[in-house]
Amino acid sequence: MRNMPIVIVLLAMGLSGISQTSRAGEDSKPIQLSKDRAELYVIHEGKSVKVERTQDPNFTLKGYFAKTGRPCPPACLKPMSPADGVKPIGEAELFDFMENELRDGAGLLIDARTDVWWKKGTIPGARHYPYTLMTQKPDSEGMKSLLEEFGAKPRGKMTWVDKQLEKWGLTDHRYKTDKWDFSDAKTLVVFCNGPSCGQSPRAIRGLVAAGYPADKIKYYRGGMRMWQFWGLNTIKPADKPSDDE
């Protein structure tokens, strides 16, 4: 019985050594994007950019682009979906989108933040469309130009026969409104600073109000906050801000 404390101490030291060895082994393993994807590449402003996580096992996030403790309202946590039919996605789904629709030109990754935020850095492959562009009135020239840029086509004047065929369901009109044909419109993934940011939700609601199909819009709710949280790399636009911005 006298030797029991010694046995316990030796056992604890042994377990501690095993734990440290195990931890060292974990630290030597690569930090991948996901189980089946180590990294990926996107085109950002005409250049190929690698999307990857930091390989520092001791990485600790020192700061976000946006504060997380802002008063609510207005910076309240937003619903999972900003509009009926719009699907929220996470990082794994975003990676799939980046390697498929974005790469093939069938999709757009939209940073809906204002210019000040955009200049601080964004997700590789993202295009800058401030939310104010997407909250214009549906019939404004600015909104019309934007919808065409996203792949929508004005329908023009419809004949009575065309209207009746669509009404009876004899022609495909799933992505058609009285004014727009969204059949070839791009799939959009829209984001801003994170779950408490209202810029991308407002942008999405503006697009839906203009007739953009909700199932062609995805909401990356985590935004820049979650992108940074996972140690994923960001990229600054070509026009870099000065130090005092």
Protein backbone atom coordinates (compact mmCIF):
# COMPACT_ATOMS: atom_id res chain seq x y z
CA MET A 1 0.00 0.00 0.00
CA ARG A 2 2.94 2.32 0.73
CA ASN A 3 3.97 2.13 -2.96
CA MET A 4 0.52 3.03 -4.31
CA PRO A 5 1.17 6.80 -4.64
CA ILE A 6 4.36 6.04 -6.64
CA VAL A 7 2.44 3.72 -8.94
CA ILE A 8 -0.23 6.36 -9.47
CA VAL A 9 2.36 9.04 -10.24
CA LEU A 10 4.18 6.78 -12.73
CA LEU A 11 0.89 5.86 -14.41
CA ALA A 12 -0.08 9.51 -14.70
CA MET A 13 3.31 10.34 -16.21
CA GLY A 14 2.91 7.55 -18.71
CA LEU A 15 -0.56 8.68 -19.75
CA SER A 16 0.69 12.25 -20.03
CA GLY A 17 3.47 11.11 -22.31
CA ILE A 18 1.02 9.22 -24.50
CA SER A 19 -1.23 12.28 -24.70
CA GLN A 20 1.66 14.53 -25.67
CA THR A 21 2.86 12.07 -28.30
CA SER A 22 -0.65 11.82 -29.72
CA ARG A 23 -0.94 15.60 -29.81
CA ALA A 24 2.40 15.92 -31.57
CA GLY A 25 1.20 13.44 -34.17
CA GLU A 26 -1.97 15.44 -34.73
CA ASP A 27 -0.02 18.68 -35.10
CA SER A 28 2.09 17.19 -37.88
CA LYS A 29 -0.93 16.34 -40.02
CA PRO A 30 -2.04 18.75 -42.76
CA ILE A 31 -5.05 20.96 -42.08
CA GLN A 32 -7.39 20.37 -45.02
CA LEU A 33 -10.46 22.24 -46.24
CA SER A 34 -12.52 19.08 -45.73
CA LYS A 35 -12.12 15.33 -45.56
CA ASP A 36 -11.84 14.96 -49.34
CA ARG A 37 -10.34 18.31 -50.28
CA ALA A 38 -6.95 19.69 -49.25
CA GLU A 39 -7.18 22.94 -51.23
CA LEU A 40 -8.83 24.43 -54.29
CA TYR A 41 -8.15 27.13 -56.87
CA VAL A 42 -10.33 29.97 -58.09
CA ILE A 43 -9.87 32.83 -60.54
CA HIS A 44 -9.81 36.18 -58.74
CA GLU A 45 -9.42 39.34 -60.83
CA GLY A 46 -7.87 37.32 -63.64
CA LYS A 47 -5.38 35.39 -61.52
CA SER A 48 -5.42 31.86 -60.12
CA VAL A 49 -5.64 31.96 -56.31
CA LYS A 50 -5.33 29.00 -53.95
CA VAL A 51 -7.97 28.66 -51.24
CA GLU A 52 -6.50 26.99 -48.17
CA ARG A 53 -6.57 26.90 -44.39
CA THR A 54 -3.65 28.03 -42.26
CA GLN A 55 -1.24 25.19 -41.52
CA ASP A 56 -0.36 26.62 -38.10
CA PRO A 57 -1.77 24.18 -35.49
CA ASN A 58 -1.58 26.94 -32.88
CA PHE A 59 -3.55 29.40 -34.98
CA THR A 60 -5.71 31.72 -32.87
CA LEU A 61 -7.94 34.30 -34.47
CA LYS A 62 -6.73 37.69 -33.31
CA GLY A 63 -9.46 39.78 -34.90
CA TYR A 64 -12.25 39.83 -37.43
CA PHE A 65 -12.94 42.31 -40.18
CA ALA A 66 -16.15 43.08 -38.29
CA LYS A 67 -16.83 43.31 -34.56
CA THR A 68 -18.96 40.56 -33.07
CA GLY A 69 -20.27 42.55 -30.12
CA ARG A 70 -22.16 45.31 -31.91
CA PRO A 71 -25.51 46.49 -30.44
CA CYS A 72 -28.68 44.64 -31.41
CA PRO A 73 -30.60 46.17 -33.08
CA PRO A 74 -29.40 46.68 -35.72
CA ALA A 75 -26.67 43.99 -35.56
CA CYS A 76 -28.93 41.13 -34.46
CA LEU A 77 -28.38 37.52 -35.49
CA LYS A 78 -30.25 36.98 -38.74
CA PRO A 79 -32.54 34.05 -39.66
CA MET A 80 -30.99 31.09 -41.48
CA SER A 81 -32.73 32.15 -44.70
CA PRO A 82 -33.36 35.79 -45.64
CA ALA A 83 -36.23 34.95 -48.02
CA ASP A 84 -38.53 32.04 -48.81
CA GLY A 85 -36.87 29.50 -51.08
CA VAL A 86 -33.32 30.83 -50.59
CA LYS A 87 -31.05 28.09 -49.27
CA PRO A 88 -28.40 28.86 -46.63
CA ILE A 89 -25.08 27.08 -47.13
CA GLY A 90 -21.94 26.40 -45.12
CA GLU A 91 -18.27 26.21 -46.02
CA ALA A 92 -18.36 22.68 -47.48
CA GLU A 93 -21.18 23.63 -49.86
CA LEU A 94 -19.34 26.82 -50.75
CA PHE A 95 -16.22 24.81 -51.64
CA ASP A 96 -18.33 22.66 -53.98
CA PHE A 97 -19.80 25.77 -55.58
CA MET A 98 -16.35 27.31 -56.07
CA GLU A 99 -15.03 24.19 -57.82
CA ASN A 100 -18.12 23.76 -60.02
CA GLU A 101 -20.53 26.59 -60.86
CA LEU A 102 -18.04 29.37 -60.12
CA ARG A 103 -15.26 27.73 -62.12
CA ASP A 104 -17.59 26.91 -65.04
CA GLY A 105 -19.00 30.43 -65.20
CA ALA A 106 -22.49 29.26 -64.28
CA GLY A 107 -22.35 30.98 -60.90
CA LEU A 108 -21.23 34.14 -59.16
CA LEU A 109 -19.83 34.52 -55.66
CA ILE A 110 -21.05 37.94 -54.53
CA ASP A 111 -19.54 40.05 -51.77
CA ALA A 112 -22.49 42.32 -50.94
CA ARG A 113 -20.60 44.51 -48.46
CA THR A 114 -19.95 48.18 -49.00
CA ASP A 115 -16.69 49.40 -50.48
CA VAL A 116 -14.96 50.03 -47.14
CA TRP A 117 -15.39 46.39 -46.12
CA TRP A 118 -14.50 45.04 -49.56
CA LYS A 119 -11.15 46.83 -49.48
CA LYS A 120 -10.19 45.12 -46.22
CA GLY A 121 -10.26 41.72 -47.90
CA THR A 122 -12.65 39.17 -49.35
CA ILE A 123 -13.08 35.49 -50.20
CA PRO A 124 -10.98 34.47 -53.23
CA GLY A 125 -13.08 34.40 -56.38
CA ALA A 126 -15.70 36.84 -55.07
CA ARG A 127 -17.03 39.74 -57.14
CA HIS A 128 -18.00 43.00 -55.49
CA TYR A 129 -21.64 44.01 -55.84
CA PRO A 130 -22.58 46.28 -52.90
CA TYR A 131 -26.01 45.48 -51.49
CA THR A 132 -27.19 48.96 -52.50
CA LEU A 133 -27.11 47.87 -56.15
CA MET A 134 -29.49 45.00 -55.41
CA THR A 135 -31.93 47.04 -53.36
CA GLN A 136 -32.81 49.38 -56.21
CA LYS A 137 -36.42 49.48 -57.38
CA PRO A 138 -37.27 46.46 -59.58
CA ASP A 139 -38.10 48.67 -62.58
CA SER A 140 -35.10 50.98 -62.26
CA GLU A 141 -32.52 51.08 -65.02
CA GLY A 142 -29.83 50.12 -62.53
CA MET A 143 -31.66 46.93 -61.50
CA LYS A 144 -32.44 46.04 -65.11
CA SER A 145 -28.76 46.37 -66.01
CA LEU A 146 -27.77 44.24 -63.01
CA LEU A 147 -30.23 41.44 -63.83
CA GLU A 148 -28.91 41.29 -67.38
CA GLU A 149 -25.36 41.14 -66.04
CA PHE A 150 -26.43 38.12 -63.95
CA GLY A 151 -27.76 36.37 -67.08
CA ALA A 152 -31.45 37.31 -67.12
CA LYS A 153 -33.04 38.27 -70.43
CA PRO A 154 -35.86 40.77 -71.01
CA ARG A 155 -38.88 38.95 -72.42
CA GLY A 156 -40.26 41.69 -74.57
CA LYS A 157 -43.88 41.75 -75.63
CA MET A 158 -45.69 38.42 -75.36
CA THR A 159 -48.47 37.30 -77.66
CA TRP A 160 -51.83 36.11 -76.37
CA VAL A 161 -50.97 32.59 -77.53
CA ASP A 162 -47.69 32.58 -75.58
CA LYS A 163 -49.47 33.71 -72.44
CA GLN A 164 -52.14 31.04 -72.76
CA LEU A 165 -49.62 28.25 -73.39
CA GLU A 166 -47.75 29.23 -70.24
CA LYS A 167 -50.97 29.57 -68.28
CA TRP A 168 -52.01 26.04 -69.30
CA GLY A 169 -48.55 24.69 -68.46
CA LEU A 170 -47.84 23.63 -72.03
CA THR A 171 -44.54 25.51 -72.23
CA ASP A 172 -41.71 25.69 -69.72
CA HIS A 173 -42.07 28.90 -67.76
CA ARG A 174 -40.50 27.88 -64.46
CA TYR A 175 -37.93 30.66 -64.57
CA LYS A 176 -39.99 33.21 -66.47
CA THR A 177 -41.92 36.23 -65.30
CA ASP A 178 -43.94 38.67 -67.38
CA LYS A 179 -40.82 40.79 -67.84
CA TRP A 180 -37.83 38.48 -67.44
CA ASP A 181 -36.52 35.10 -68.52
CA PHE A 182 -34.21 33.74 -65.81
CA SER A 183 -33.69 30.33 -67.44
CA ASP A 184 -29.99 31.03 -68.09
CA ALA A 185 -29.43 33.29 -65.09
CA LYS A 186 -26.43 32.43 -62.94
CA THR A 187 -26.59 30.74 -59.55
CA LEU A 188 -25.63 33.34 -56.97
CA VAL A 189 -23.94 32.82 -53.61
CA VAL A 190 -24.24 36.01 -51.59
CA PHE A 191 -22.40 36.87 -48.36
CA CYS A 192 -21.37 39.77 -46.15
CA ASN A 193 -19.70 39.99 -42.72
CA GLY A 194 -21.56 37.20 -40.95
CA PRO A 195 -24.72 36.12 -39.12
CA SER A 196 -25.39 39.56 -37.66
CA CYS A 197 -24.70 41.47 -40.90
CA GLY A 198 -27.77 42.71 -42.73
CA GLN A 199 -26.16 43.64 -46.05
CA SER A 200 -26.41 40.33 -47.91
CA PRO A 201 -29.96 39.56 -46.61
CA ARG A 202 -31.11 42.92 -47.95
CA ALA A 203 -29.38 42.25 -51.26
CA ILE A 204 -31.08 38.86 -51.55
CA ARG A 205 -34.52 40.23 -50.75
CA GLY A 206 -33.99 42.96 -53.34
CA LEU A 207 -33.17 40.39 -56.03
CA VAL A 208 -36.16 38.22 -55.14
CA ALA A 209 -38.42 41.28 -55.27
CA ALA A 210 -37.11 41.96 -58.78
CA GLY A 211 -38.13 38.43 -59.82
CA TYR A 212 -34.83 36.56 -59.46
CA PRO A 213 -35.63 32.88 -58.73
CA ALA A 214 -35.10 32.14 -55.05
CA ASP A 215 -33.72 28.68 -55.82
CA LYS A 216 -30.95 30.27 -57.89
CA ILE A 217 -29.72 32.22 -54.85
CA LYS A 218 -27.66 30.74 -51.98
CA TYR A 219 -26.92 32.53 -48.72
CA TYR A 220 -23.51 32.00 -47.14
CA ARG A 221 -24.71 33.12 -43.73
CA GLY A 222 -21.34 32.65 -42.00
CA GLY A 223 -19.77 35.25 -44.27
CA MET A 224 -16.36 36.73 -43.60
CA ARG A 225 -16.59 36.01 -39.88
CA MET A 226 -16.81 32.24 -40.25
CA TRP A 227 -14.41 32.23 -43.20
CA GLN A 228 -11.79 33.84 -40.98
CA PHE A 229 -12.72 31.71 -37.99
CA TRP A 230 -11.58 28.57 -39.83
CA GLY A 231 -8.27 30.14 -40.82
CA LEU A 232 -9.19 30.36 -44.50
CA ASN A 233 -7.18 32.79 -46.56
CA THR A 234 -8.58 36.10 -47.73
CA ILE A 235 -7.49 38.33 -50.56
CA LYS A 236 -7.44 42.08 -51.01
CA PRO A 237 -8.77 43.65 -54.21
CA ALA A 238 -6.27 45.12 -56.64
CA ASP A 239 -7.00 48.60 -55.35
CA LYS A 240 -5.59 48.10 -51.86
CA PRO A 241 -6.66 50.54 -49.12
CA SER A 242 -4.11 52.80 -47.52
CA ASP A 243 -2.99 52.23 -43.93
CA ASP A 244 -5.28 54.95 -42.59
CA GLU A 245 -8.48 53.51 -44.04
